[in-house]
Amino acid sequence: MTLKIRLRKQGRTNRPFYRLVLVPDVTKRDGAYVESLGWYNPFAEGDQRLLVNANRVQHWLNNGAQMTEKAKHLVAEAAPEVMKTYTQQACAKKMKEAAKRRERRKKAKAA
């Protein structure tokens, strides 16, 4: 079971408020969560609009959690250094896999 960082909807009718939470991928949108990582208020302005605990987000990304698209955009806005390391790790992983494929092709051609 994988963990996801996604938004949990709260608030009242026509005034949504979202929490950035860590949940198992099978959990409902507003179901129980493992840890709260921040919040997002689309109606507020300035510093009251978005808060992300960058250290905890980085911790969970290093432990294999995945982010939804909206969560990626919000984390990139609030903590760009977290997204920079996240994308660097993803690129490094792709390069490593590509190198392994090239080695397998060389061995197959040589044999």
PDB file of N, CA and C in Angstrom:
ATOM      1  N   MET A   1       0.856  -1.171   0.000  1.00  0.00           N
ATOM      2  CA  MET A   1       0.000   0.000   0.000  1.00  0.00           C
ATOM      3  C   MET A   1       0.907   1.240   0.000  1.00  0.00           C
ATOM      4  N   THR A   2       0.724   2.098  -0.988  1.00  0.00           N
ATOM      5  CA  THR A   2       1.548   3.296  -1.093  1.00  0.00           C
ATOM      6  C   THR A   2       0.885   4.461  -0.363  1.00  0.00           C
ATOM      7  N   LEU A   3       1.715   5.426  -0.024  1.00  0.00           N
ATOM      8  CA  LEU A   3       1.228   6.636   0.619  1.00  0.00           C
ATOM      9  C   LEU A   3       1.213   7.770  -0.381  1.00  0.00           C
ATOM     10  N   LYS A   4       0.216   8.635  -0.272  1.00  0.00           N
ATOM     11  CA  LYS A   4       0.095   9.777  -1.167  1.00  0.00           C
ATOM     12  C   LYS A   4      -0.026  11.056  -0.358  1.00  0.00           C
ATOM     13  N   ILE A   5       0.541  12.113  -0.915  1.00  0.00           N
ATOM     14  CA  ILE A   5       0.357  13.442  -0.357  1.00  0.00           C
ATOM     15  C   ILE A   5      -0.699  14.101  -1.224  1.00  0.00           C
ATOM     16  N   ARG A   6      -1.838  14.429  -0.621  1.00  0.00           N
ATOM     17  CA  ARG A   6      -2.928  15.015  -1.390  1.00  0.00           C
ATOM     18  C   ARG A   6      -3.735  15.973  -0.531  1.00  0.00           C
ATOM     19  N   LEU A   7      -4.741  16.588  -1.146  1.00  0.00           N
ATOM     20  CA  LEU A   7      -5.557  17.573  -0.448  1.00  0.00           C
ATOM     21  C   LEU A   7      -6.794  16.919   0.158  1.00  0.00           C
ATOM     22  N   ARG A   8      -7.139  17.366   1.350  1.00  0.00           N
ATOM     23  CA  ARG A   8      -8.338  16.911   2.047  1.00  0.00           C
ATOM     24  C   ARG A   8      -9.257  18.109   2.193  1.00  0.00           C
ATOM     25  N   LYS A   9     -10.459  18.012   1.642  1.00  0.00           N
ATOM     26  CA  LYS A   9     -11.377  19.145   1.608  1.00  0.00           C
ATOM     27  C   LYS A   9     -12.078  19.327   2.945  1.00  0.00           C
ATOM     28  N   GLN A  10     -12.097  20.584   3.403  1.00  0.00           N
ATOM     29  CA  GLN A  10     -12.820  20.944   4.610  1.00  0.00           C
ATOM     30  C   GLN A  10     -13.528  22.259   4.360  1.00  0.00           C
ATOM     31  N   GLY A  11     -14.084  22.851   5.382  1.00  0.00           N
ATOM     32  CA  GLY A  11     -14.766  24.130   5.224  1.00  0.00           C
ATOM     33  C   GLY A  11     -16.254  23.946   5.084  1.00  0.00           C
ATOM     34  N   ARG A  12     -16.900  25.001   4.634  1.00  0.00           N
ATOM     35  CA  ARG A  12     -18.353  24.951   4.483  1.00  0.00           C
ATOM     36  C   ARG A  12     -18.720  25.106   3.008  1.00  0.00           C
ATOM     37  N   THR A  13     -20.000  25.114   2.726  1.00  0.00           N
ATOM     38  CA  THR A  13     -20.483  25.232   1.360  1.00  0.00           C
ATOM     39  C   THR A  13     -19.998  26.542   0.741  1.00  0.00           C
ATOM     40  N   ASN A  14     -19.464  26.461  -0.444  1.00  0.00           N
ATOM     41  CA  ASN A  14     -18.936  27.587  -1.208  1.00  0.00           C
ATOM     42  C   ASN A  14     -17.743  28.289  -0.550  1.00  0.00           C
ATOM     43  N   ARG A  15     -17.176  27.747   0.494  1.00  0.00           N
ATOM     44  CA  ARG A  15     -15.983  28.298   1.151  1.00  0.00           C
ATOM     45  C   ARG A  15     -15.024  27.160   1.489  1.00  0.00           C
ATOM     46  N   PRO A  16     -14.480  26.483   0.486  1.00  0.00           N
ATOM     47  CA  PRO A  16     -13.625  25.330   0.791  1.00  0.00           C
ATOM     48  C   PRO A  16     -12.297  25.752   1.409  1.00  0.00           C
ATOM     49  N   PHE A  17     -11.760  24.846   2.178  1.00  0.00           N
ATOM     50  CA  PHE A  17     -10.475  24.994   2.840  1.00  0.00           C
ATOM     51  C   PHE A  17      -9.837  23.613   2.751  1.00  0.00           C
ATOM     52  N   TYR A  18      -8.583  23.535   2.393  1.00  0.00           N
ATOM     53  CA  TYR A  18      -7.956  22.239   2.167  1.00  0.00           C
ATOM     54  C   TYR A  18      -6.779  22.022   3.110  1.00  0.00           C
ATOM     55  N   ARG A  19      -6.602  20.781   3.532  1.00  0.00           N
ATOM     56  CA  ARG A  19      -5.418  20.392   4.283  1.00  0.00           C
ATOM     57  C   ARG A  19      -4.561  19.504   3.388  1.00  0.00           C
ATOM     58  N   LEU A  20      -3.273  19.729   3.422  1.00  0.00           N
ATOM     59  CA  LEU A  20      -2.317  18.884   2.709  1.00  0.00           C
ATOM     60  C   LEU A  20      -1.981  17.740   3.660  1.00  0.00           C
ATOM     61  N   VAL A  21      -2.372  16.522   3.299  1.00  0.00           N
ATOM     62  CA  VAL A  21      -2.239  15.391   4.215  1.00  0.00           C
ATOM     63  C   VAL A  21      -1.553  14.208   3.537  1.00  0.00           C
ATOM     64  N   LEU A  22      -1.033  13.326   4.376  1.00  0.00           N
ATOM     65  CA  LEU A  22      -0.439  12.070   3.929  1.00  0.00           C
ATOM     66  C   LEU A  22      -1.446  10.970   4.224  1.00  0.00           C
ATOM     67  N   VAL A  23      -1.862  10.245   3.183  1.00  0.00           N
ATOM     68  CA  VAL A  23      -2.875   9.198   3.339  1.00  0.00           C
ATOM     69  C   VAL A  23      -2.472   7.954   2.556  1.00  0.00           C
ATOM     70  N   PRO A  24      -2.951   6.781   2.971  1.00  0.00           N
ATOM     71  CA  PRO A  24      -2.800   5.598   2.116  1.00  0.00           C
ATOM     72  C   PRO A  24      -3.596   5.817   0.827  1.00  0.00           C
ATOM     73  N   ASP A  25      -3.134   5.272  -0.280  1.00  0.00           N
ATOM     74  CA  ASP A  25      -3.756   5.571  -1.571  1.00  0.00           C
ATOM     75  C   ASP A  25      -5.181   5.074  -1.712  1.00  0.00           C
ATOM     76  N   VAL A  26      -5.639   4.178  -0.856  1.00  0.00           N
ATOM     77  CA  VAL A  26      -7.002   3.657  -0.959  1.00  0.00           C
ATOM     78  C   VAL A  26      -8.000   4.445  -0.113  1.00  0.00           C
ATOM     79  N   THR A  27      -7.539   5.442   0.626  1.00  0.00           N
ATOM     80  CA  THR A  27      -8.404   6.226   1.499  1.00  0.00           C
ATOM     81  C   THR A  27      -9.273   7.180   0.690  1.00  0.00           C
ATOM     82  N   LYS A  28     -10.496   7.414   1.169  1.00  0.00           N
ATOM     83  CA  LYS A  28     -11.395   8.366   0.525  1.00  0.00           C
ATOM     84  C   LYS A  28     -10.823   9.774   0.622  1.00  0.00           C
ATOM     85  N   ARG A  29     -11.358  10.695  -0.179  1.00  0.00           N
ATOM     86  CA  ARG A  29     -10.850  12.063  -0.220  1.00  0.00           C
ATOM     87  C   ARG A  29     -10.810  12.720   1.159  1.00  0.00           C
ATOM     88  N   ASP A  30     -11.867  12.558   1.935  1.00  0.00           N
ATOM     89  CA  ASP A  30     -11.944  13.187   3.249  1.00  0.00           C
ATOM     90  C   ASP A  30     -11.796  12.175   4.382  1.00  0.00           C
ATOM     91  N   GLY A  31     -11.190  11.022   4.095  1.00  0.00           N
ATOM     92  CA  GLY A  31     -11.042   9.981   5.110  1.00  0.00           C
ATOM     93  C   GLY A  31      -9.915  10.275   6.082  1.00  0.00           C
ATOM     94  N   ALA A  32      -9.619   9.287   6.902  1.00  0.00           N
ATOM     95  CA  ALA A  32      -8.568   9.426   7.915  1.00  0.00           C
ATOM     96  C   ALA A  32      -7.209   9.595   7.249  1.00  0.00           C
ATOM     97  N   TYR A  33      -6.334  10.345   7.906  1.00  0.00           N
ATOM     98  CA  TYR A  33      -5.006  10.583   7.346  1.00  0.00           C
ATOM     99  C   TYR A  33      -3.928  10.220   8.352  1.00  0.00           C
ATOM    100  N   VAL A  34      -2.713   9.992   7.852  1.00  0.00           N
ATOM    101  CA  VAL A  34      -1.584   9.612   8.683  1.00  0.00           C
ATOM    102  C   VAL A  34      -0.981  10.841   9.344  1.00  0.00           C
ATOM    103  N   GLU A  35      -0.773  11.904   8.551  1.00  0.00           N
ATOM    104  CA  GLU A  35      -0.145  13.115   9.080  1.00  0.00           C
ATOM    105  C   GLU A  35      -0.607  14.328   8.280  1.00  0.00           C
ATOM    106  N   SER A  36      -0.797  15.432   8.959  1.00  0.00           N
ATOM    107  CA  SER A  36      -1.130  16.692   8.305  1.00  0.00           C
ATOM    108  C   SER A  36       0.171  17.421   7.980  1.00  0.00           C
ATOM    109  N   LEU A  37       0.334  17.821   6.710  1.00  0.00           N
ATOM    110  CA  LEU A  37       1.578  18.441   6.259  1.00  0.00           C
ATOM    111  C   LEU A  37       1.432  19.925   5.960  1.00  0.00           C
ATOM    112  N   GLY A  38       0.228  20.458   6.035  1.00  0.00           N
ATOM    113  CA  GLY A  38       0.022  21.876   5.781  1.00  0.00           C
ATOM    114  C   GLY A  38      -1.424  22.149   5.429  1.00  0.00           C
ATOM    115  N   TRP A  39      -1.689  23.357   4.936  1.00  0.00           N
ATOM    116  CA  TRP A  39      -3.039  23.727   4.542  1.00  0.00           C
ATOM    117  C   TRP A  39      -3.005  24.732   3.394  1.00  0.00           C
ATOM    118  N   TYR A  40      -4.177  24.867   2.734  1.00  0.00           N
ATOM    119  CA  TYR A  40      -4.328  25.760   1.590  1.00  0.00           C
ATOM    120  C   TYR A  40      -5.718  26.384   1.668  1.00  0.00           C
ATOM    121  N   ASN A  41      -5.756  27.723   1.653  1.00  0.00           N
ATOM    122  CA  ASN A  41      -7.023  28.454   1.674  1.00  0.00           C
ATOM    123  C   ASN A  41      -7.108  29.268   0.386  1.00  0.00           C
ATOM    124  N   PRO A  42      -7.892  28.822  -0.598  1.00  0.00           N
ATOM    125  CA  PRO A  42      -7.937  29.521  -1.887  1.00  0.00           C
ATOM    126  C   PRO A  42      -8.537  30.919  -1.823  1.00  0.00           C
ATOM    127  N   PHE A  43      -9.254  31.263  -0.753  1.00  0.00           N
ATOM    128  CA  PHE A  43      -9.880  32.576  -0.661  1.00  0.00           C
ATOM    129  C   PHE A  43      -9.025  33.611   0.056  1.00  0.00           C
ATOM    130  N   ALA A  44      -8.003  33.184   0.744  1.00  0.00           N
ATOM    131  CA  ALA A  44      -7.142  34.116   1.483  1.00  0.00           C
ATOM    132  C   ALA A  44      -6.073  34.690   0.547  1.00  0.00           C
ATOM    133  N   GLU A  45      -5.396  35.721   1.024  1.00  0.00           N
ATOM    134  CA  GLU A  45      -4.321  36.350   0.255  1.00  0.00           C
ATOM    135  C   GLU A  45      -3.076  36.443   1.117  1.00  0.00           C
ATOM    136  N   GLY A  46      -1.937  36.507   0.462  1.00  0.00           N
ATOM    137  CA  GLY A  46      -0.679  36.687   1.167  1.00  0.00           C
ATOM    138  C   GLY A  46      -0.234  35.437   1.916  1.00  0.00           C
ATOM    139  N   ASP A  47       0.288  35.644   3.125  1.00  0.00           N
ATOM    140  CA  ASP A  47       0.818  34.538   3.925  1.00  0.00           C
ATOM    141  C   ASP A  47      -0.267  33.612   4.454  1.00  0.00           C
ATOM    142  N   GLN A  48      -1.488  34.073   4.494  1.00  0.00           N
ATOM    143  CA  GLN A  48      -2.592  33.275   5.027  1.00  0.00           C
ATOM    144  C   GLN A  48      -3.167  32.312   3.994  1.00  0.00           C
ATOM    145  N   ARG A  49      -2.605  32.276   2.796  1.00  0.00           N
ATOM    146  CA  ARG A  49      -3.143  31.451   1.716  1.00  0.00           C
ATOM    147  C   ARG A  49      -2.629  30.016   1.756  1.00  0.00           C
ATOM    148  N   LEU A  50      -1.363  29.833   2.107  1.00  0.00           N
ATOM    149  CA  LEU A  50      -0.740  28.518   1.962  1.00  0.00           C
ATOM    150  C   LEU A  50       0.335  28.320   3.018  1.00  0.00           C
ATOM    151  N   LEU A  51       0.358  27.149   3.641  1.00  0.00           N
ATOM    152  CA  LEU A  51       1.397  26.782   4.598  1.00  0.00           C
ATOM    153  C   LEU A  51       1.754  25.321   4.359  1.00  0.00           C
ATOM    154  N   VAL A  52       3.046  25.045   4.171  1.00  0.00           N
ATOM    155  CA  VAL A  52       3.516  23.683   3.945  1.00  0.00           C
ATOM    156  C   VAL A  52       4.691  23.422   4.876  1.00  0.00           C
ATOM    157  N   ASN A  53       4.664  22.292   5.574  1.00  0.00           N
ATOM    158  CA  ASN A  53       5.782  21.883   6.414  1.00  0.00           C
ATOM    159  C   ASN A  53       6.778  21.168   5.508  1.00  0.00           C
ATOM    160  N   ALA A  54       7.753  21.926   4.993  1.00  0.00           N
ATOM    161  CA  ALA A  54       8.683  21.420   3.982  1.00  0.00           C
ATOM    162  C   ALA A  54       9.522  20.255   4.489  1.00  0.00           C
ATOM    163  N   ASN A  55       9.930  20.296   5.754  1.00  0.00           N
ATOM    164  CA  ASN A  55      10.760  19.213   6.298  1.00  0.00           C
ATOM    165  C   ASN A  55      10.015  17.883   6.292  1.00  0.00           C
ATOM    166  N   ARG A  56       8.759  17.896   6.682  1.00  0.00           N
ATOM    167  CA  ARG A  56       7.983  16.656   6.719  1.00  0.00           C
ATOM    168  C   ARG A  56       7.635  16.165   5.310  1.00  0.00           C
ATOM    169  N   VAL A  57       7.369  17.088   4.404  1.00  0.00           N
ATOM    170  CA  VAL A  57       7.099  16.691   3.017  1.00  0.00           C
ATOM    171  C   VAL A  57       8.340  16.014   2.437  1.00  0.00           C
ATOM    172  N   GLN A  58       9.505  16.614   2.662  1.00  0.00           N
ATOM    173  CA  GLN A  58      10.756  16.031   2.161  1.00  0.00           C
ATOM    174  C   GLN A  58      10.989  14.657   2.783  1.00  0.00           C
ATOM    175  N   HIS A  59      10.717  14.522   4.067  1.00  0.00           N
ATOM    176  CA  HIS A  59      10.878  13.237   4.756  1.00  0.00           C
ATOM    177  C   HIS A  59      10.023  12.153   4.092  1.00  0.00           C
ATOM    178  N   TRP A  60       8.758  12.459   3.855  1.00  0.00           N
ATOM    179  CA  TRP A  60       7.864  11.452   3.293  1.00  0.00           C
ATOM    180  C   TRP A  60       8.171  11.160   1.829  1.00  0.00           C
ATOM    181  N   LEU A  61       8.632  12.167   1.084  1.00  0.00           N
ATOM    182  CA  LEU A  61       9.032  11.910  -0.304  1.00  0.00           C
ATOM    183  C   LEU A  61      10.245  10.993  -0.343  1.00  0.00           C
ATOM    184  N   ASN A  62      11.179  11.187   0.578  1.00  0.00           N
ATOM    185  CA  ASN A  62      12.351  10.314   0.653  1.00  0.00           C
ATOM    186  C   ASN A  62      11.973   8.895   1.044  1.00  0.00           C
ATOM    187  N   ASN A  63      10.872   8.741   1.765  1.00  0.00           N
ATOM    188  CA  ASN A  63      10.404   7.418   2.170  1.00  0.00           C
ATOM    189  C   ASN A  63       9.457   6.785   1.159  1.00  0.00           C
ATOM    190  N   GLY A  64       9.277   7.405  -0.010  1.00  0.00           N
ATOM    191  CA  GLY A  64       8.509   6.769  -1.074  1.00  0.00           C
ATOM    192  C   GLY A  64       7.098   7.265  -1.291  1.00  0.00           C
ATOM    193  N   ALA A  65       6.685   8.306  -0.614  1.00  0.00           N
ATOM    194  CA  ALA A  65       5.335   8.828  -0.829  1.00  0.00           C
ATOM    195  C   ALA A  65       5.253   9.495  -2.204  1.00  0.00           C
ATOM    196  N   GLN A  66       4.063   9.498  -2.773  1.00  0.00           N
ATOM    197  CA  GLN A  66       3.831  10.135  -4.065  1.00  0.00           C
ATOM    198  C   GLN A  66       2.907  11.325  -3.863  1.00  0.00           C
ATOM    199  N   MET A  67       2.999  12.304  -4.783  1.00  0.00           N
ATOM    200  CA  MET A  67       2.152  13.493  -4.677  1.00  0.00           C
ATOM    201  C   MET A  67       1.168  13.541  -5.830  1.00  0.00           C
ATOM    202  N   THR A  68      -0.011  14.079  -5.561  1.00  0.00           N
ATOM    203  CA  THR A  68      -0.965  14.337  -6.626  1.00  0.00           C
ATOM    204  C   THR A  68      -0.531  15.600  -7.366  1.00  0.00           C
ATOM    205  N   GLU A  69      -1.120  15.867  -8.514  1.00  0.00           N
ATOM    206  CA  GLU A  69      -0.738  17.022  -9.324  1.00  0.00           C
ATOM    207  C   GLU A  69      -0.958  18.341  -8.585  1.00  0.00           C
ATOM    208  N   LYS A  70      -2.110  18.505  -7.961  1.00  0.00           N
ATOM    209  CA  LYS A  70      -2.391  19.751  -7.245  1.00  0.00           C
ATOM    210  C   LYS A  70      -1.444  19.925  -6.060  1.00  0.00           C
ATOM    211  N   ALA A  71      -1.146  18.835  -5.372  1.00  0.00           N
ATOM    212  CA  ALA A  71      -0.209  18.907  -4.252  1.00  0.00           C
ATOM    213  C   ALA A  71       1.182  19.304  -4.741  1.00  0.00           C
ATOM    214  N   LYS A  72       1.585  18.806  -5.900  1.00  0.00           N
ATOM    215  CA  LYS A  72       2.892  19.189  -6.468  1.00  0.00           C
ATOM    216  C   LYS A  72       2.956  20.680  -6.725  1.00  0.00           C
ATOM    217  N   HIS A  73       1.905  21.233  -7.295  1.00  0.00           N
ATOM    218  CA  HIS A  73       1.886  22.666  -7.602  1.00  0.00           C
ATOM    219  C   HIS A  73       1.941  23.503  -6.321  1.00  0.00           C
ATOM    220  N   LEU A  74       1.203  23.089  -5.304  1.00  0.00           N
ATOM    221  CA  LEU A  74       1.195  23.845  -4.058  1.00  0.00           C
ATOM    222  C   LEU A  74       2.527  23.753  -3.329  1.00  0.00           C
ATOM    223  N   VAL A  75       3.131  22.574  -3.308  1.00  0.00           N
ATOM    224  CA  VAL A  75       4.440  22.419  -2.667  1.00  0.00           C
ATOM    225  C   VAL A  75       5.498  23.205  -3.436  1.00  0.00           C
ATOM    226  N   ALA A  76       5.410  23.209  -4.756  1.00  0.00           N
ATOM    227  CA  ALA A  76       6.362  23.974  -5.564  1.00  0.00           C
ATOM    228  C   ALA A  76       6.244  25.466  -5.276  1.00  0.00           C
ATOM    229  N   GLU A  77       5.045  25.927  -5.008  1.00  0.00           N
ATOM    230  CA  GLU A  77       4.829  27.339  -4.697  1.00  0.00           C
ATOM    231  C   GLU A  77       5.347  27.695  -3.309  1.00  0.00           C
ATOM    232  N   ALA A  78       5.099  26.813  -2.329  1.00  0.00           N
ATOM    233  CA  ALA A  78       5.457  27.119  -0.947  1.00  0.00           C
ATOM    234  C   ALA A  78       6.885  26.722  -0.589  1.00  0.00           C
ATOM    235  N   ALA A  79       7.388  25.634  -1.180  1.00  0.00           N
ATOM    236  CA  ALA A  79       8.720  25.129  -0.845  1.00  0.00           C
ATOM    237  C   ALA A  79       9.428  24.655  -2.117  1.00  0.00           C
ATOM    238  N   PRO A  80       9.938  25.578  -2.931  1.00  0.00           N
ATOM    239  CA  PRO A  80      10.557  25.171  -4.203  1.00  0.00           C
ATOM    240  C   PRO A  80      11.782  24.289  -4.037  1.00  0.00           C
ATOM    241  N   GLU A  81      12.495  24.404  -2.915  1.00  0.00           N
ATOM    242  CA  GLU A  81      13.679  23.570  -2.716  1.00  0.00           C
ATOM    243  C   GLU A  81      13.314  22.097  -2.585  1.00  0.00           C
ATOM    244  N   VAL A  82      12.143  21.803  -2.027  1.00  0.00           N
ATOM    245  CA  VAL A  82      11.685  20.421  -1.919  1.00  0.00           C
ATOM    246  C   VAL A  82      11.421  19.856  -3.307  1.00  0.00           C
ATOM    247  N   MET A  83      10.753  20.626  -4.147  1.00  0.00           N
ATOM    248  CA  MET A  83      10.453  20.150  -5.502  1.00  0.00           C
ATOM    249  C   MET A  83      11.726  20.021  -6.330  1.00  0.00           C
ATOM    250  N   LYS A  84      12.695  20.886  -6.098  1.00  0.00           N
ATOM    251  CA  LYS A  84      13.956  20.802  -6.839  1.00  0.00           C
ATOM    252  C   LYS A  84      14.655  19.476  -6.533  1.00  0.00           C
ATOM    253  N   THR A  85      14.766  19.114  -5.267  1.00  0.00           N
ATOM    254  CA  THR A  85      15.407  17.847  -4.917  1.00  0.00           C
ATOM    255  C   THR A  85      14.570  16.665  -5.395  1.00  0.00           C
ATOM    256  N   TYR A  86      13.240  16.798  -5.351  1.00  0.00           N
ATOM    257  CA  TYR A  86      12.351  15.727  -5.805  1.00  0.00           C
ATOM    258  C   TYR A  86      12.556  15.447  -7.294  1.00  0.00           C
ATOM    259  N   THR A  87      12.620  16.508  -8.102  1.00  0.00           N
ATOM    260  CA  THR A  87      12.816  16.311  -9.545  1.00  0.00           C
ATOM    261  C   THR A  87      14.226  15.827  -9.857  1.00  0.00           C
ATOM    262  N   GLN A  88      15.220  16.277  -9.093  1.00  0.00           N
ATOM    263  CA  GLN A  88      16.586  15.799  -9.305  1.00  0.00           C
ATOM    264  C   GLN A  88      16.684  14.306  -9.016  1.00  0.00           C
ATOM    265  N   GLN A  89      16.039  13.852  -7.953  1.00  0.00           N
ATOM    266  CA  GLN A  89      16.047  12.430  -7.628  1.00  0.00           C
ATOM    267  C   GLN A  89      15.335  11.615  -8.704  1.00  0.00           C
ATOM    268  N   ALA A  90      14.236  12.138  -9.228  1.00  0.00           N
ATOM    269  CA  ALA A  90      13.497  11.438 -10.282  1.00  0.00           C
ATOM    270  C   ALA A  90      14.340  11.337 -11.554  1.00  0.00           C
ATOM    271  N   CYS A  91      15.043  12.410 -11.911  1.00  0.00           N
ATOM    272  CA  CYS A  91      15.909  12.387 -13.097  1.00  0.00           C
ATOM    273  C   CYS A  91      17.063  11.418 -12.915  1.00  0.00           C
ATOM    274  N   ALA A  92      17.647  11.402 -11.731  1.00  0.00           N
ATOM    275  CA  ALA A  92      18.752  10.483 -11.454  1.00  0.00           C
ATOM    276  C   ALA A  92      18.284   9.036 -11.560  1.00  0.00           C
ATOM    277  N   LYS A  93      17.079   8.761 -11.083  1.00  0.00           N
ATOM    278  CA  LYS A  93      16.536   7.408 -11.159  1.00  0.00           C
ATOM    279  C   LYS A  93      16.322   6.988 -12.617  1.00  0.00           C
ATOM    280  N   LYS A  94      15.791   7.905 -13.432  1.00  0.00           N
ATOM    281  CA  LYS A  94      15.582   7.601 -14.847  1.00  0.00           C
ATOM    282  C   LYS A  94      16.903   7.355 -15.568  1.00  0.00           C
ATOM    283  N   MET A  95      17.916   8.150 -15.246  1.00  0.00           N
ATOM    284  CA  MET A  95      19.227   7.980 -15.876  1.00  0.00           C
ATOM    285  C   MET A  95      19.846   6.637 -15.494  1.00  0.00           C
ATOM    286  N   LYS A  96      19.676   6.244 -14.244  1.00  0.00           N
ATOM    287  CA  LYS A  96      20.214   4.972 -13.784  1.00  0.00           C
ATOM    288  C   LYS A  96      19.535   3.804 -14.507  1.00  0.00           C
ATOM    289  N   GLU A  97      18.218   3.887 -14.663  1.00  0.00           N
ATOM    290  CA  GLU A  97      17.481   2.841 -15.376  1.00  0.00           C
ATOM    291  C   GLU A  97      17.887   2.790 -16.842  1.00  0.00           C
ATOM    292  N   ALA A  98      18.100   3.941 -17.454  1.00  0.00           N
ATOM    293  CA  ALA A  98      18.524   3.990 -18.858  1.00  0.00           C
ATOM    294  C   ALA A  98      19.903   3.367 -19.021  1.00  0.00           C
ATOM    295  N   ALA A  99      20.796   3.619 -18.077  1.00  0.00           N
ATOM    296  CA  ALA A  99      22.134   3.023 -18.144  1.00  0.00           C
ATOM    297  C   ALA A  99      22.060   1.505 -18.027  1.00  0.00           C
ATOM    298  N   LYS A 100      21.188   1.016 -17.169  1.00  0.00           N
ATOM    299  CA  LYS A 100      21.004  -0.432 -17.039  1.00  0.00           C
ATOM    300  C   LYS A 100      20.483  -1.041 -18.337  1.00  0.00           C
ATOM    301  N   ARG A 101      19.543  -0.352 -18.986  1.00  0.00           N
ATOM    302  CA  ARG A 101      19.007  -0.853 -20.268  1.00  0.00           C
ATOM    303  C   ARG A 101      20.102  -0.908 -21.325  1.00  0.00           C
ATOM    304  N   ARG A 102      20.938   0.138 -21.376  1.00  0.00           N
ATOM    305  CA  ARG A 102      22.028   0.152 -22.349  1.00  0.00           C
ATOM    306  C   ARG A 102      22.996  -1.000 -22.117  1.00  0.00           C
ATOM    307  N   GLU A 103      23.308  -1.276 -20.865  1.00  0.00           N
ATOM    308  CA  GLU A 103      24.210  -2.384 -20.544  1.00  0.00           C
ATOM    309  C   GLU A 103      23.606  -3.719 -20.964  1.00  0.00           C
ATOM    310  N   ARG A 104      22.319  -3.910 -20.724  1.00  0.00           N
ATOM    311  CA  ARG A 104      21.660  -5.152 -21.128  1.00  0.00           C
ATOM    312  C   ARG A 104      21.677  -5.323 -22.643  1.00  0.00           C
ATOM    313  N   ARG A 105      21.470  -4.220 -23.371  1.00  0.00           N
ATOM    314  CA  ARG A 105      21.492  -4.285 -24.841  1.00  0.00           C
ATOM    315  C   ARG A 105      22.884  -4.643 -25.343  1.00  0.00           C
ATOM    316  N   LYS A 106      23.908  -4.084 -24.733  1.00  0.00           N
ATOM    317  CA  LYS A 106      25.288  -4.392 -25.130  1.00  0.00           C
ATOM    318  C   LYS A 106      25.596  -5.858 -24.913  1.00  0.00           C
ATOM    319  N   LYS A 107      25.181  -6.385 -23.760  1.00  0.00           N
ATOM    320  CA  LYS A 107      25.422  -7.798 -23.445  1.00  0.00           C
ATOM    321  C   LYS A 107      24.656  -8.690 -24.416  1.00  0.00           C
ATOM    322  N   ALA A 108      23.432  -8.302 -24.776  1.00  0.00           N
ATOM    323  CA  ALA A 108      22.629  -9.102 -25.692  1.00  0.00           C
ATOM    324  C   ALA A 108      23.242  -9.102 -27.089  1.00  0.00           C
ATOM    325  N   LYS A 109      23.784  -7.972 -27.521  1.00  0.00           N
ATOM    326  CA  LYS A 109      24.417  -7.882 -28.835  1.00  0.00           C
ATOM    327  C   LYS A 109      25.711  -8.693 -28.856  1.00  0.00           C
ATOM    328  N   ALA A 110      26.461  -8.627 -27.787  1.00  0.00           N
ATOM    329  CA  ALA A 110      27.743  -9.350 -27.715  1.00  0.00           C
ATOM    330  C   ALA A 110      27.539 -10.850 -27.667  1.00  0.00           C
ATOM    331  N   ALA A 111      26.443 -11.313 -27.125  1.00  0.00           N
ATOM    332  CA  ALA A 111      26.209 -12.758 -26.969  1.00  0.00           C
ATOM    333  C   ALA A 111      25.709 -13.411 -28.222  1.00  0.00           C
TER     334      ALA A 111
END
